[in-house]
């Protein structure tokens, strides 16, 4: 049974959106918790959480802009070229 590669590409893009959003939030939140424990404060986690959310949002917007700036026809041509190379290898 042959699977549709477009489905896998779509799942990969959705995963990249999630990773691009969540990683900065987690890193900044953990850094904020570390700073709060080190300095005995209670606001760094909240501040850095929002900074991470802003960074994640900019990552997602850049990724989306890169996808949508590429015309659909050139994406199809690139996918066909890539599929052709994969067929030659495998």
Protein backbone atom coordinates (compact mmCIF):
# COMPACT_ATOMS: atom_id res chain seq x y z
CA UNK A 1 0.00 0.00 0.00
CA UNK A 2 1.46 3.36 -1.03
CA UNK A 3 0.98 6.22 1.37
CA UNK A 4 0.40 9.77 0.22
CA UNK A 5 3.57 11.78 0.88
CA UNK A 6 1.59 15.01 1.07
CA UNK A 7 -0.06 13.78 4.27
CA UNK A 8 3.35 13.18 5.84
CA UNK A 9 4.58 16.57 4.70
CA UNK A 10 1.51 18.23 6.25
CA UNK A 11 2.06 16.37 9.53
CA UNK A 12 5.70 17.42 9.48
CA UNK A 13 4.74 21.08 9.01
CA UNK A 14 2.19 20.91 11.83
CA UNK A 15 4.83 19.36 14.09
CA UNK A 16 7.29 22.11 13.19
CA UNK A 17 4.71 24.76 14.06
CA UNK A 18 4.22 23.15 17.48
CA UNK A 19 7.92 22.77 18.15
CA UNK A 20 8.64 26.34 17.02
CA UNK A 21 6.03 27.59 19.48
CA UNK A 22 6.61 25.37 22.50
CA UNK A 23 10.41 25.17 22.76
CA UNK A 24 10.99 28.90 23.45
CA UNK A 25 8.15 28.92 25.98
CA UNK A 26 9.59 25.96 27.90
CA UNK A 27 13.16 27.26 27.82
CA UNK A 28 12.17 30.73 28.99
CA UNK A 29 9.81 29.36 31.65
CA UNK A 30 12.48 27.07 33.09
CA UNK A 31 15.01 29.91 33.02
CA UNK A 32 12.47 32.08 34.86
CA UNK A 33 11.91 29.40 37.51
CA UNK A 34 15.68 29.09 37.94
CA UNK A 35 16.07 32.85 38.38
CA UNK A 36 13.14 33.00 40.80
CA UNK A 37 14.73 30.30 42.98
CA UNK A 38 18.19 31.85 42.77
CA UNK A 39 17.13 35.41 43.63
CA UNK A 40 14.08 34.63 45.79
CA UNK A 41 11.71 36.52 43.51
CA UNK A 42 8.36 35.53 42.08
CA UNK A 43 8.03 37.40 38.78
CA UNK A 44 10.80 36.18 36.45
CA UNK A 45 8.91 33.06 35.45
CA UNK A 46 5.89 35.08 34.33
CA UNK A 47 8.00 37.69 32.50
CA UNK A 48 10.10 35.09 30.70
CA UNK A 49 7.03 32.97 29.90
CA UNK A 50 5.57 35.86 27.92
CA UNK A 51 8.96 36.57 26.34
CA UNK A 52 9.09 32.91 25.24
CA UNK A 53 5.54 33.09 23.90
CA UNK A 54 6.47 36.18 21.88
CA UNK A 55 9.60 34.45 20.56
CA UNK A 56 7.58 31.37 19.66
CA UNK A 57 5.00 33.47 17.87
CA UNK A 58 7.68 35.19 15.80
CA UNK A 59 9.20 31.78 14.94
CA UNK A 60 5.81 30.49 13.78
CA UNK A 61 5.13 33.63 11.75
CA UNK A 62 8.54 33.42 10.05
CA UNK A 63 7.98 29.76 9.25
CA UNK A 64 4.49 30.44 7.88
CA UNK A 65 5.73 33.36 5.80
CA UNK A 66 8.48 31.19 4.34
CA UNK A 67 5.92 28.54 3.38
CA UNK A 68 3.39 30.94 1.87
CA UNK A 69 5.93 33.14 0.09
CA UNK A 70 6.97 30.15 -1.99
CA UNK A 71 4.47 29.81 -4.85
CA UNK A 72 2.51 26.56 -4.91
CA UNK A 73 3.75 25.60 -8.38
CA UNK A 74 7.41 25.83 -7.40
CA UNK A 75 6.66 23.80 -4.25
CA UNK A 76 5.07 21.11 -6.44
CA UNK A 77 8.04 21.14 -8.82
CA UNK A 78 10.46 20.85 -5.90
CA UNK A 79 8.42 17.99 -4.43
CA UNK A 80 8.41 16.17 -7.77
CA UNK A 81 12.16 16.62 -8.11
CA UNK A 82 12.68 15.34 -4.58
CA UNK A 83 10.37 12.36 -5.20
CA UNK A 84 12.30 11.55 -8.35
CA UNK A 85 15.59 11.57 -6.46
CA UNK A 86 14.14 9.38 -3.75
CA UNK A 87 12.92 6.88 -6.39
CA UNK A 88 16.40 6.70 -7.91
CA UNK A 89 18.01 6.06 -4.52
CA UNK A 90 15.49 3.48 -3.33
